[in-house]
N, C-alpha and C. Protein backbone atom coordinates (compact mmCIF):
# COMPACT_ATOMS: atom_id res chain seq x y z
N MET A 1 -1.32 66.78 58.79
CA MET A 1 -3.14 67.52 58.16
C MET A 1 -3.29 65.75 57.20
N ALA A 2 -4.32 65.14 58.09
CA ALA A 2 -4.52 63.66 56.71
C ALA A 2 -4.98 64.34 55.23
N ASN A 3 -5.10 63.19 54.53
CA ASN A 3 -5.45 63.68 53.26
C ASN A 3 -6.90 63.50 53.67
N GLU A 4 -7.50 64.51 54.34
CA GLU A 4 -9.22 64.05 53.70
C GLU A 4 -9.84 65.36 53.27
N GLY A 5 -10.73 64.85 53.16
CA GLY A 5 -11.99 66.14 52.94
C GLY A 5 -12.28 66.83 53.78
N SER A 6 -12.50 68.18 53.46
CA SER A 6 -12.71 69.78 54.18
C SER A 6 -13.86 70.39 53.80
N THR A 7 -14.47 70.58 55.22
CA THR A 7 -16.11 72.04 55.26
C THR A 7 -14.80 73.67 55.06
N GLY A 8 -15.66 74.24 54.84
CA GLY A 8 -15.56 75.68 54.64
C GLY A 8 -15.03 76.51 56.34
N ARG A 9 -14.96 75.77 56.89
CA ARG A 9 -15.23 75.83 58.51
C ARG A 9 -13.52 75.55 58.97
N ARG A 10 -13.14 74.33 58.64
CA ARG A 10 -11.40 74.41 58.85
C ARG A 10 -10.83 75.38 57.32
N TRP A 11 -11.57 76.05 56.97
CA TRP A 11 -10.39 77.13 56.14
C TRP A 11 -10.00 78.31 56.40
N ARG A 12 -9.17 78.58 56.41
CA ARG A 12 -8.43 79.69 56.87
C ARG A 12 -8.05 80.98 55.82
N VAL A 13 -8.36 81.96 56.73
CA VAL A 13 -7.73 83.82 55.68
C VAL A 13 -6.79 83.86 56.96
N TYR A 14 -5.53 84.62 56.08
CA TYR A 14 -4.59 85.35 56.52
C TYR A 14 -3.91 86.13 56.13
N ARG A 15 -4.08 87.64 56.29
CA ARG A 15 -3.36 88.79 56.39
C ARG A 15 -1.72 89.30 56.06
N ASN A 16 -0.88 88.87 55.87
CA ASN A 16 0.19 89.59 55.67
C ASN A 16 0.69 90.42 56.21
N THR A 17 0.96 90.91 57.63
CA THR A 17 1.45 91.53 57.95
C THR A 17 2.81 92.11 58.39
N GLY A 18 4.08 90.86 57.70
CA GLY A 18 5.51 91.40 57.84
C GLY A 18 5.56 91.78 56.53
N THR A 19 6.86 91.13 55.92
CA THR A 19 7.38 91.46 54.91
C THR A 19 6.72 89.99 54.01
N TYR A 20 7.16 90.14 52.25
CA TYR A 20 6.99 88.93 51.67
C TYR A 20 8.08 87.91 52.63
N ALA A 21 9.28 88.55 52.66
CA ALA A 21 10.39 87.00 52.91
C ALA A 21 9.86 87.15 54.20
N VAL A 22 9.49 87.31 54.42
CA VAL A 22 9.30 87.08 55.87
C VAL A 22 8.14 87.14 56.73
N PRO A 23 6.78 87.04 56.38
CA PRO A 23 5.26 86.84 56.42
C PRO A 23 5.23 86.89 57.45
N VAL A 24 4.47 87.67 58.57
CA VAL A 24 3.79 87.23 59.71
C VAL A 24 2.13 87.20 59.39
N TRP A 25 1.73 86.20 59.59
CA TRP A 25 0.32 86.03 58.82
C TRP A 25 -0.95 85.63 60.49
N THR A 26 -1.24 87.13 60.45
CA THR A 26 -2.45 87.36 60.53
C THR A 26 -4.17 86.53 60.70
N ALA A 27 -4.77 86.61 61.17
CA ALA A 27 -5.99 85.44 61.22
C ALA A 27 -7.18 87.03 60.51
N VAL A 28 -7.86 86.30 60.01
CA VAL A 28 -9.22 86.70 59.38
C VAL A 28 -10.10 86.74 60.68
N THR A 29 -10.05 86.49 61.12
CA THR A 29 -11.65 85.39 61.88
C THR A 29 -12.50 85.98 61.64
N GLU A 30 -13.21 87.31 61.31
CA GLU A 30 -14.18 87.89 60.82
C GLU A 30 -14.50 87.56 59.49
N ARG A 31 -14.14 86.46 59.05
CA ARG A 31 -14.51 86.35 57.54
C ARG A 31 -15.48 85.11 57.30
N LYS A 32 -16.46 85.45 56.18
CA LYS A 32 -17.70 84.51 56.18
C LYS A 32 -17.44 83.70 55.38
N ASP A 33 -18.81 83.12 54.20
CA ASP A 33 -17.73 82.09 53.55
C ASP A 33 -16.64 82.33 52.32
N ILE A 34 -15.69 81.84 52.23
CA ILE A 34 -15.58 82.45 50.90
C ILE A 34 -14.90 81.50 49.42
N GLY A 35 -14.99 82.18 48.38
CA GLY A 35 -14.60 81.60 47.01
C GLY A 35 -13.18 81.83 46.76
N LEU A 36 -12.95 80.76 45.89
CA LEU A 36 -12.06 80.26 45.11
C LEU A 36 -11.51 80.17 44.08
N PRO A 37 -12.40 80.89 42.67
CA PRO A 37 -12.65 80.79 41.42
C PRO A 37 -10.91 80.96 40.65
N MET A 38 -10.41 79.17 40.62
CA MET A 38 -9.79 79.48 39.60
C MET A 38 -10.20 78.96 38.33
N THR A 39 -10.27 79.80 37.05
CA THR A 39 -9.74 79.24 35.86
C THR A 39 -9.42 79.25 34.85
N LYS A 40 -9.52 78.91 33.63
CA LYS A 40 -8.38 79.38 32.61
C LYS A 40 -9.51 80.40 31.47
N ASP A 41 -8.92 80.77 30.72
CA ASP A 41 -9.84 80.73 29.01
C ASP A 41 -9.79 79.92 27.91
N GLU A 42 -10.59 80.11 27.01
CA GLU A 42 -11.34 78.42 26.64
C GLU A 42 -10.56 79.52 25.61
N ILE A 43 -9.85 78.69 24.42
CA ILE A 43 -9.31 79.79 23.01
C ILE A 43 -9.95 78.91 22.29
N GLU A 44 -10.95 79.16 20.99
CA GLU A 44 -11.56 78.28 20.35
C GLU A 44 -10.41 77.96 18.92
N SER A 45 -10.44 76.56 18.71
CA SER A 45 -9.35 76.15 17.94
C SER A 45 -9.92 75.48 16.41
N LEU A 46 -10.44 75.56 15.96
CA LEU A 46 -11.92 75.35 14.93
C LEU A 46 -10.31 74.00 13.29
N ARG A 47 -10.95 72.74 13.09
CA ARG A 47 -10.44 72.16 12.03
C ARG A 47 -10.95 71.48 11.39
N ASP A 48 -10.70 72.12 10.13
CA ASP A 48 -11.90 70.91 8.94
C ASP A 48 -11.84 69.81 9.79
N GLY A 49 -12.63 68.59 9.95
CA GLY A 49 -13.13 66.80 9.93
C GLY A 49 -12.53 67.63 11.39
N ALA A 50 -12.80 67.91 12.00
CA ALA A 50 -13.35 67.97 13.27
C ALA A 50 -15.10 67.57 13.85
N GLU A 51 -15.31 66.44 14.53
CA GLU A 51 -17.13 66.58 14.34
C GLU A 51 -17.04 67.74 15.59
N PHE A 52 -16.61 68.11 16.27
CA PHE A 52 -16.30 68.14 17.54
C PHE A 52 -15.29 70.06 17.69
N LYS A 53 -15.93 71.42 18.69
CA LYS A 53 -15.21 72.28 18.61
C LYS A 53 -14.06 72.12 19.15
N GLU A 54 -13.06 72.20 18.47
CA GLU A 54 -12.12 71.98 19.79
C GLU A 54 -11.67 73.16 21.00
N TYR A 55 -10.76 73.10 21.92
CA TYR A 55 -9.93 74.09 22.58
C TYR A 55 -9.43 74.18 23.17
N LEU A 56 -8.00 75.15 22.88
CA LEU A 56 -6.71 75.78 23.50
C LEU A 56 -7.26 75.92 25.53
N LYS A 57 -6.40 75.22 25.78
CA LYS A 57 -6.22 76.73 27.44
C LYS A 57 -5.37 78.08 26.64
N GLY A 58 -5.87 78.67 27.56
CA GLY A 58 -5.64 79.52 27.52
C GLY A 58 -4.84 81.22 29.60
N TYR A 59 -5.06 82.26 28.92
CA TYR A 59 -4.61 82.48 30.86
C TYR A 59 -5.90 82.51 31.75
N LYS A 60 -4.80 81.34 32.90
CA LYS A 60 -5.44 81.70 34.25
C LYS A 60 -6.18 82.66 34.32
N ASP A 61 -7.08 82.65 35.68
CA ASP A 61 -7.93 83.60 36.06
C ASP A 61 -8.19 83.43 37.61
N LEU A 62 -7.84 84.03 38.35
CA LEU A 62 -7.80 83.98 39.03
C LEU A 62 -9.16 84.94 40.21
N SER A 63 -9.51 84.94 41.43
CA SER A 63 -10.34 86.21 42.59
C SER A 63 -10.37 85.00 43.53
N PHE A 64 -10.64 86.02 44.56
CA PHE A 64 -10.32 85.25 46.14
C PHE A 64 -11.54 86.75 46.43
N GLU A 65 -13.00 85.57 46.91
CA GLU A 65 -14.34 86.26 47.28
C GLU A 65 -14.47 86.22 49.07
N THR A 66 -14.56 86.90 49.54
CA THR A 66 -15.31 87.32 50.97
C THR A 66 -16.03 88.04 50.99
N GLU A 67 -16.53 88.36 52.42
CA GLU A 67 -17.19 89.11 53.77
C GLU A 67 -16.94 88.57 55.10
N ILE A 68 -17.01 89.87 55.38
CA ILE A 68 -16.19 90.02 56.42
C ILE A 68 -17.81 90.91 57.16
N LYS A 69 -17.59 90.44 58.59
CA LYS A 69 -18.39 91.14 59.41
C LYS A 69 -17.45 93.15 59.53
N TYR A 70 -19.59 94.18 59.01
CA TYR A 70 -17.78 94.88 59.60
C TYR A 70 -18.76 95.42 61.20
N THR A 71 -16.73 96.17 61.30
CA THR A 71 -16.52 95.97 62.82
C THR A 71 -15.36 97.15 62.61
N ARG A 72 -15.92 98.62 62.75
CA ARG A 72 -15.37 99.70 62.05
C ARG A 72 -13.89 100.24 63.09
N ALA A 73 -13.77 99.47 63.94
CA ALA A 73 -12.20 99.34 64.72
C ALA A 73 -11.08 98.56 64.05
N ASN A 74 -11.74 97.20 63.72
CA ASN A 74 -11.22 96.17 63.84
C ASN A 74 -9.68 96.36 62.86
N ALA A 75 -9.08 96.15 63.16
CA ALA A 75 -7.51 95.89 62.65
C ALA A 75 -7.76 95.10 61.49
N ASN A 76 -8.04 94.06 60.43
CA ASN A 76 -8.22 93.79 59.04
C ASN A 76 -9.05 94.87 58.02
N HIS A 77 -10.29 95.58 59.12
CA HIS A 77 -11.02 95.54 58.29
C HIS A 77 -10.60 97.69 57.89
N VAL A 78 -10.06 98.58 58.90
CA VAL A 78 -9.13 99.12 58.99
C VAL A 78 -8.33 99.31 57.74
N ALA A 79 -7.17 98.37 58.01
CA ALA A 79 -6.73 97.76 56.51
C ALA A 79 -6.67 97.79 55.46
N LEU A 80 -8.52 96.93 55.32
CA LEU A 80 -8.45 97.02 53.80
C LEU A 80 -9.31 98.26 52.97
N ARG A 81 -10.31 98.72 54.88
CA ARG A 81 -10.62 100.06 54.24
C ARG A 81 -9.71 101.38 53.67
N THR A 82 -8.93 100.92 54.25
CA THR A 82 -7.63 102.65 53.97
C THR A 82 -6.99 102.32 52.88
N ASP A 83 -6.56 100.75 52.47
CA ASP A 83 -5.98 100.45 50.85
C ASP A 83 -7.18 100.55 50.19
N PHE A 84 -8.57 100.16 50.21
CA PHE A 84 -9.52 101.06 48.89
C PHE A 84 -9.13 102.36 48.70
N MET A 85 -9.38 102.74 49.75
CA MET A 85 -9.78 104.32 49.71
C MET A 85 -8.80 105.00 49.20
N ALA A 86 -7.59 104.24 49.37
CA ALA A 86 -6.12 105.40 48.89
C ALA A 86 -6.24 105.46 47.37
N ASP A 87 -5.88 105.54 46.76
CA ASP A 87 -5.46 105.81 44.85
C ASP A 87 -3.71 106.11 45.10
N ASP A 88 -3.85 104.00 45.57
CA ASP A 88 -1.53 104.03 44.60
C ASP A 88 -2.33 102.93 44.90
N ASP A 89 -0.74 102.04 44.31
CA ASP A 89 -1.08 100.55 43.33
C ASP A 89 -0.25 98.98 44.51
N GLY A 90 -1.32 99.44 45.82
CA GLY A 90 -1.01 99.07 46.82
C GLY A 90 -1.99 97.69 47.04
N TYR A 91 -1.33 96.50 48.02
CA TYR A 91 -1.24 95.11 47.78
C TYR A 91 -1.71 94.07 48.63
N PHE A 92 -2.29 93.52 48.12
CA PHE A 92 -2.66 92.17 49.76
C PHE A 92 -1.49 91.05 49.34
N ASP A 93 -0.46 90.71 50.70
CA ASP A 93 -0.41 89.52 50.55
C ASP A 93 -0.99 88.37 50.89
N LEU A 94 -2.28 87.59 50.58
CA LEU A 94 -2.45 86.56 51.38
C LEU A 94 -2.20 85.71 51.35
N LEU A 95 -3.23 84.43 52.10
CA LEU A 95 -2.76 82.79 52.34
C LEU A 95 -3.95 82.59 52.92
N VAL A 96 -5.03 81.82 52.13
CA VAL A 96 -5.85 81.38 52.05
C VAL A 96 -5.56 79.08 51.54
N LEU A 97 -5.67 78.88 53.38
CA LEU A 97 -6.04 77.43 53.74
C LEU A 97 -6.61 76.63 53.99
N ASP A 98 -6.24 74.93 53.78
CA ASP A 98 -7.23 74.41 54.18
C ASP A 98 -7.35 74.07 55.58
N GLY A 99 -6.53 74.79 56.10
CA GLY A 99 -5.60 74.29 57.44
C GLY A 99 -5.79 75.49 58.33
N ALA A 100 -4.41 75.47 59.54
CA ALA A 100 -4.34 76.83 60.41
C ALA A 100 -2.72 76.96 58.78
N SER A 101 -2.38 77.89 60.22
CA SER A 101 -0.57 78.70 59.26
C SER A 101 0.40 78.12 59.52
N ASP A 102 -0.43 77.45 61.08
CA ASP A 102 1.27 76.45 61.01
C ASP A 102 1.20 74.96 61.32
N ASP A 103 -0.01 74.41 60.49
CA ASP A 103 -0.43 73.13 60.15
C ASP A 103 0.17 72.74 59.07
N SER A 104 1.53 71.40 59.23
CA SER A 104 2.26 71.45 58.91
C SER A 104 0.78 70.16 56.87
N GLY A 105 1.28 70.77 56.16
CA GLY A 105 0.79 69.50 55.37
C GLY A 105 0.05 70.77 54.48
N ALA A 106 -0.48 71.60 55.03
CA ALA A 106 -2.04 72.60 55.16
C ALA A 106 -1.72 73.04 53.77
N GLN A 107 -2.72 73.42 52.39
CA GLN A 107 -2.25 73.63 50.95
C GLN A 107 -3.47 74.94 50.56
N GLY A 108 -3.30 75.53 50.00
CA GLY A 108 -3.97 76.30 49.23
C GLY A 108 -3.59 77.61 48.61
N MET A 109 -3.49 79.10 48.80
CA MET A 109 -3.64 80.15 47.31
C MET A 109 -2.36 80.88 48.29
N ARG A 110 -1.36 81.58 48.02
CA ARG A 110 -0.57 82.54 48.80
C ARG A 110 -1.03 83.37 47.40
N LEU A 111 -1.81 84.61 47.91
CA LEU A 111 -2.62 85.38 46.34
C LEU A 111 -1.50 87.07 46.92
N ILE A 112 -0.90 87.46 45.81
CA ILE A 112 -0.45 88.68 45.94
C ILE A 112 -1.71 89.26 44.96
N VAL A 113 -2.46 90.30 45.78
CA VAL A 113 -4.23 90.25 45.27
C VAL A 113 -4.32 92.58 44.93
N ALA A 114 -4.82 92.77 44.62
CA ALA A 114 -5.97 93.97 44.64
C ALA A 114 -6.59 93.96 45.55
N LEU A 115 -7.45 94.62 45.48
CA LEU A 115 -8.48 94.58 46.67
C LEU A 115 -9.39 95.88 45.81
N PHE A 116 -10.29 94.83 44.83
CA PHE A 116 -11.35 95.09 44.21
C PHE A 116 -13.16 96.22 44.60
N ASP A 117 -13.33 95.32 45.18
CA ASP A 117 -14.86 95.55 45.93
C ASP A 117 -15.01 95.26 46.94
N PHE A 118 -15.55 96.40 48.15
CA PHE A 118 -15.88 96.68 48.93
C PHE A 118 -16.95 97.09 49.46
N SER A 119 -17.95 96.55 48.90
CA SER A 119 -19.01 96.93 49.51
C SER A 119 -19.52 96.40 50.19
N HIS A 120 -20.53 97.34 50.71
CA HIS A 120 -21.28 97.53 53.00
C HIS A 120 -23.10 96.97 52.16
N THR A 121 -23.63 95.70 52.27
CA THR A 121 -24.87 96.02 52.65
C THR A 121 -24.88 95.46 54.59
N GLY A 122 -26.60 96.29 54.90
CA GLY A 122 -26.74 96.21 55.80
C GLY A 122 -28.09 96.05 56.08
N PRO A 123 -28.57 94.77 56.80
CA PRO A 123 -30.03 94.27 56.60
C PRO A 123 -30.79 94.78 57.19
N LEU A 124 -31.66 95.02 57.57
CA LEU A 124 -31.70 94.89 59.14
C LEU A 124 -32.11 93.89 60.03
N THR A 125 -32.69 92.81 59.35
CA THR A 125 -32.20 91.98 60.55
C THR A 125 -31.40 91.28 60.86
N ASP A 126 -30.56 91.80 60.17
CA ASP A 126 -28.63 91.03 60.29
C ASP A 126 -27.95 91.88 60.00
N GLU A 127 -26.64 90.85 60.55
CA GLU A 127 -24.89 91.92 60.16
C GLU A 127 -24.81 93.05 59.56
N THR A 128 -24.39 93.85 60.23
CA THR A 128 -24.01 94.71 58.50
C THR A 128 -22.30 93.85 57.96
N LEU A 129 -22.31 93.72 56.56
CA LEU A 129 -21.50 92.44 56.37
C LEU A 129 -20.40 93.48 55.17
N VAL A 130 -19.44 93.56 54.85
CA VAL A 130 -18.60 93.58 53.98
C VAL A 130 -17.56 92.93 52.88
N SER A 131 -18.55 92.78 51.30
CA SER A 131 -17.97 92.18 50.83
C SER A 131 -16.77 92.53 50.47
N LEU A 132 -15.73 91.66 49.84
CA LEU A 132 -14.29 91.53 49.59
C LEU A 132 -14.45 90.71 48.27
N VAL A 133 -13.18 91.47 46.87
CA VAL A 133 -13.31 90.43 45.57
C VAL A 133 -11.95 91.73 45.65
N PHE A 134 -10.79 90.48 45.93
CA PHE A 134 -9.42 90.87 45.15
C PHE A 134 -9.25 89.73 44.36
N LYS A 135 -8.50 90.44 43.24
CA LYS A 135 -7.30 89.96 42.00
C LYS A 135 -6.42 90.18 42.00
N PRO A 136 -5.15 89.04 41.64
CA PRO A 136 -4.50 89.32 41.21
C PRO A 136 -3.89 90.81 40.77
N THR A 137 -2.58 91.38 41.57
CA THR A 137 -1.47 92.89 40.72
C THR A 137 -0.34 92.13 40.15
N TYR A 138 0.04 93.34 39.87
CA TYR A 138 1.08 93.14 39.63
C TYR A 138 2.15 93.55 41.50
N ALA A 139 3.72 93.09 41.55
CA ALA A 139 3.81 93.21 42.96
C ALA A 139 5.35 93.27 43.01
N GLU A 140 6.52 94.30 43.91
CA GLU A 140 7.53 93.84 43.97
C GLU A 140 7.94 93.64 45.36
N ASP A 141 8.34 92.43 45.27
CA ASP A 141 9.38 92.17 46.70
C ASP A 141 10.84 92.98 46.55
N THR A 142 11.40 94.02 47.38
CA THR A 142 13.00 94.25 46.61
C THR A 142 13.24 94.68 45.23
N GLY A 143 12.80 94.84 44.90
CA GLY A 143 13.02 94.83 43.24
C GLY A 143 12.82 93.85 42.93
N THR A 144 11.71 93.22 43.45
CA THR A 144 11.97 91.37 42.13
C THR A 144 10.22 91.43 41.80
N PRO A 145 9.74 90.57 41.32
CA PRO A 145 8.39 90.61 40.87
C PRO A 145 8.17 89.42 41.60
N ILE A 146 6.47 89.73 42.65
CA ILE A 146 6.55 88.30 43.20
C ILE A 146 4.43 88.10 42.33
N VAL A 147 3.95 87.05 42.46
CA VAL A 147 2.73 86.42 41.72
C VAL A 147 1.84 85.28 42.62
N SER A 148 0.89 85.39 43.01
CA SER A 148 0.06 83.84 43.55
C SER A 148 0.73 82.93 42.76
N GLU A 149 0.82 82.10 44.33
CA GLU A 149 1.14 80.39 43.31
C GLU A 149 0.33 79.44 44.22
N TRP A 150 0.27 78.49 44.10
CA TRP A 150 -0.52 77.18 45.18
C TRP A 150 0.83 77.30 46.68
N TYR A 151 0.35 76.89 47.60
CA TYR A 151 1.26 76.93 48.72
C TYR A 151 1.10 76.25 49.49
N THR A 152 2.61 75.38 50.34
CA THR A 152 2.20 74.18 51.07
C THR A 152 3.13 74.20 52.36
N VAL A 153 2.36 74.57 53.24
CA VAL A 153 2.83 74.87 54.44
C VAL A 153 3.85 73.68 54.74
N SER A 154 5.11 74.21 55.11
CA SER A 154 5.77 73.21 55.52
C SER A 154 6.36 72.83 57.70
């Protein structure tokens, strides 16, 4: 992949239907716009003699936000709904990339996240959408903690 700008159309979202060690990336093709906000906490650091406030970097904050078309029998929709309605500590292994999952050099985030928003909107004049908000969560693979990380397709 060339080092060039990218539009949202080129970005891809995948849900791992395999294991963490041997992922099977299933495309979430019914997604709409995506948001991948990444910020750091600002820790105010005041000192005598400083003319301006100074700050230290704190914890990183990360979320993944998108909407999908409401399609009752779609496998992605069913998996998301089933997880959201369950009262357990389930998580999703998602891949959000600036290209296809088999496109060498594509980059983005591999996210270990829980689903926190599954809101539906059904305007009279447009298709019904499901808002999804994912945030990092604790998860393990064969007893070893796994975390969200920057990912480059090799």
